[in-house]
Amino acid sequence: MNAIKKIPAWLGYTILFAVITSTFAFMFSLTDTSLIWSFDGIAQHYPILVSFHDMLLHFIQHPSQGLTHWSWNIGMGADQLTSFSYYVVGDLFNYLIIFFPKNQIEFGYSFLVLLRLYCAGLSFLLFAKQFNFKKYSLVISTLTYTFGSYALYAGLHHAFFILPLIFFPLLALGIEKIIHNKSMWWLVLATLITFLSNFYFAYILGLGCIIYVIIRYFSVRKEPWFNFKSSLLKLIGTIISGIALASILFIPTILYAFKSTRIKNVFANGYLTYPTSYYLNLPGKMIGLGGTFNFWLLIGISGFSFLAIIYTLSHFNKYKTINAALIISMIGILIPAFSSVFNALASPSNRWASLILLPIGLATAIFADHLTTLSKRDLTIFALASIGLVILVWICNGFIFKVHRHDFSEYFLLFILIGILFAAQFFKWRPTTLISSVLVLVTINLISLGIGFYSPDSSGYSKGMLNKNVAKSYTQNYYDGAEKFVKPKLKTYRTTIGPKYHYFPDERDNFINTDYFNAASNLPMILGTHDIASYLTVENGFVGKLERTLQNNQFTPNNPVAQNDYRSSLENLFGVKYMFVRSDKAQKSLPYGFKLVRDQNHQPKLFQNGSNVPSKENEVGTVLAKNKNALPLMYTQTKIIPQNDFKKLSVNDKEQALINATNVTKPISGIKSVNYHSKTKNLKYTVDFDNTNLITNQKDLDKSDFAKKANQMTSPNNRYASADKIESILEQNQNIEEKLQKQNQDGLHYLTRDALGHSIPTELKIKHPNSTKHAELYLELDGIQGNYNSNYQIEQIKNNRNALNNRFETKFAQLNLFRKNISTYNNGSFVLTASTKGMSNAVTQLGTDELSNYIPKKHALINLGFSSKARKQINLKYSDITSMHFKKARLIVVPFNKEYQAQIKHDQKNSLTKLKTHNNQVSGISHNSHKSVLTSSIPYSSGWKLTIDGNPATIQIVNQAFVGGVIPAGNHKIKLTYQTPGLLIGKIISLLSFFVILIISTIIWYFKKIKVND
């Protein structure tokens, strides 16, 4: 035992960390899964890490070229530094990936996850040591801090989300040292690495530190050694110093973030309070996995930490500081506005709750320190609080102990812990026996918590992890090998993927029923296919503005371009040359100008290479569609559309006008401004409803399945026990049918369900079908408003169905329905699908509980594809909603004729010759007999500089989103060069800060030395 006592706390933590993670590794080995999430892990984080590995390797081989460049493989093209700053560039752990060969990056990814997790514990241990806790208390509290539900979930789904667990204790340690008149350098260093790593975390941690400082001020303000003014000045100075040192990365990234696609939506997504189910789930989230995961709330602490919170609260006056932090945290969890403020005034995400682990960790250490001196009062409170928690969970689940099945083991371990504490006092255990027993139980508890997350027997989280050693093959087979055919032919052109090329049908078909849906992914960036889509938290705001202006139906802040909703002219403007299409979708409508690439037998050229894309049908492969109308990366236009004229055009006309002329902010002398004449046409249509299954009279009822299956509780002549109820249902359906016909007389305005909750199939019959030949067809919706059933209405619908089945709900069944209704909520989501011959598409409203991509959709422009044949009707269906209202619904055709083709050829002919792209540079030669506008599809950034024949020229934003400029008549050598905006000033500030801090440090050291000598 004496030998054990000599083990330092960090070594004890390390040993137990290894034990716990070994059990996790064994579980992952049994399930043959990796630490890469099959959603954002493989689609977002893994490809970025592979790209970062290549960046580091290139820098080592060519250090004079710098670490980052403009990359042509990030969607439409983007700055590597600012695009990756949220993920890898500022995360110092990621630089270790260079020590892993490229074929071992999957292992390196997993290693870095565990390394971050380990360092999170070390960081807390370093912070907690200053409070003179006992060794075993430090070990216990550090373990519980490290292996809480936040780290177990967030760390394995978004590896860099562990970083706040590392930085917050370091920042708090730096604050403590300043408060106690010690070294300022801890806080400088902590601030530096925080602002280097991730501007989002820096914001959250900054708010957390402000709260920490306020709480600590009130706890030490009366201490004789505390100097408020001195401490405040030191805090401000050290934080500014840390930020200044980090300017080399922080300034470029924050400049980019402010101009990105992160749209400022309704504050807190419109929530004043969370849904009732959120609050009902809170008690169950305290320990274990808890209920439904929503609003990014993860608590899931160990039973020991739960008792620690009870201990500090029950000794309130003694631990006011810890209790203040805990109470503020508890209040914050209850209020959406609090979470929204921490989430940069955006959605009410509880990611900030990772900060709560710090005061919980301290409470755990305090409790551990007093294990051997607990009173009978303490033990009684523990028992009552634990029983109270169980009762509260029971009540909140509708008087049913309905919890996650693995959570039973967590409650069981909690009561075993209480039993140990009672036994230790009753039987007068030796302190070492009690401490050893508790340490073993805590270790088992944390192992159990981890297994709860990643054992397929206890949760579904393991199913979301990618199989082991699959990431590399998944990447290589992303296109079934078709990229090898495409890449040599691409040059400066781009690609996209076809309808439902990559998606997850088992998880997504149920709520997004559209041929156009694709799962966002960054894998193309490491395959060099120049896919127009990218899946990043911070995207180019100028491109996002264009996509919103043209109402790209697929737009989200994380993936603003997607596949451009397969709109023909948008694909042309973006230079899309090839489309990768699933072979089973080859007969679907393709954008105008796209033709399938065929083999020697005139069959679609098929690529099959063991694709990892799931399919409900037989094994399929990839075919290619080539676009003859793709516009060059850079070309010249002799006609312009000034912004004021451009704004007056309809959305479809804006898109088509950009083929004919270049949109610029204002008229340019010597270049003709055109008055674009619309080629689009509005189609007349009628709204028809399929009333086959709408039961409005006794005759319909007798023919229905309800009549055939109804319990014949009465005589055949009086089949239904409640004639009045039946009459009421029939009357409701009659009123619904009448309202539908009346409100949709002059176009689509209203859709609804019948009295039984069934949607009524709706068709838009086109009056002149021939108008849709050789054209793209669009459904434009304005003033979209969705309506949802209240819990009472849901109950009425069920009662209506029961009445037609001649069944009646028991009071117990009604109680169950009440439980279900109160535990669910309408989040405002819906899917409206429109289908026509050869194509279907949908407008999808994500719910208010969607924390990254929620955008209220009051308008939608749904592309129903190009067809050379006539289309007679459009079928509509919707889900997750009771009824829908529209102020206006228009059918629009966009014809593609010889005039359009001639304009495309004209634009292609005006391409710059000898067009070449390099890192940070594009060059070519213009040939035009008139003054013209350089037009490109290179995303605009203030970092681009233009020279004409070696002379500087002014950059212009063209077509809302891209780099352009004015080119004189004649032949000219055009060159665009790029430098990350803010990088130079960031370097200067960081360098000056370093020298200023070095000088000040030297002066302080010198005077201290003199003082000591005196």
Foldseek 3Di string as FASTA:
>chain_A
DVVVLPDFLLVLLVVLLCVLVVLVVVQCVVVQFALAFLACRLFPQLLLLLVLLVLLVVCVVPVVVPRWFWALLFFNIGTNLQQCLAAAQLPVLSVCCNVPPSLCSSVVLRVSLSVLLSLLLVLLLVLLVVVVFRSLLSSLLSVLLSLFPCSLPCCSHRVCLSVLSNLLSQCLSLLVCLQQVHDNVSNLVSLQSQLSRHVLSNLLSVVVVVVLVVLVCVVCVPPPSGDVVSSVVSNVVSNVLSVLLNLLRNVLNVVLQVLFLQDAADFQLPDAWDALLLVLQVLQQQAFNTDDCFLQDHHHTALLLVLLLLVCVVVCVVPVSLVVLVVVLVVLSGGQNSQCVSRVRHHSHPSSSSSNSSSSSSSSSVCLSCLLPDDPVSLVSLVVVLVVSQVSNCVSLLNHSDTQPLCVVRSVLSVVLSVLSVCCVVVVNDPVVSSVVVVVSSSVRSSSSSCCQQNPVRDCNVVRGHRPSCSVVQLVCVALVCVVVVQVVAAQAAAAAAFPSADDCVPPCVAFVFRRDHRRRSSSSVVRRSYNWHFGLTHRNLLLVLLVLLFQLPAFSRTGPHPSLQAQLVSQQSRHFKYKYKPVLVQFFHFPQKDWDADPVRHFDWRHHPHPGDDPDDDIHITMIGGPLRFGQKFWALEEAAPVLLVPDDSVQNSLVCLNHWYFPGDDPFGHYDNDDDPKDWFFWAKDWDCLQQQQDPVSLCPDPLVVQADQPDDPVCRFPDPVLLNVLNVQSVVVVVVCCVVDVRHDFKWFAGLLLHGIKMKIFTPDQLVQAQWWKKKKFAQKDFAADALVSVVSNVQSSCRSSNHDDDVVNVSVSVSVRSNDDQQPWKWKWKAWPRGIRIRTQDGSSPRRGHDDDRIHMNIRHHHNDTIGMIIIDMDSTGMMGTPDIIMMIGHDDPVSVVSSVVSNVRGFPPWHDDGQKTKGKGAAQGKTKIDRSNFDDPQKWKDKQNHTFDWTDISSTHTMGIDGHGIIIIMIGGDSPSSVVSVVSSVVSVVVVVVVVVVVVVVVVVVVVD
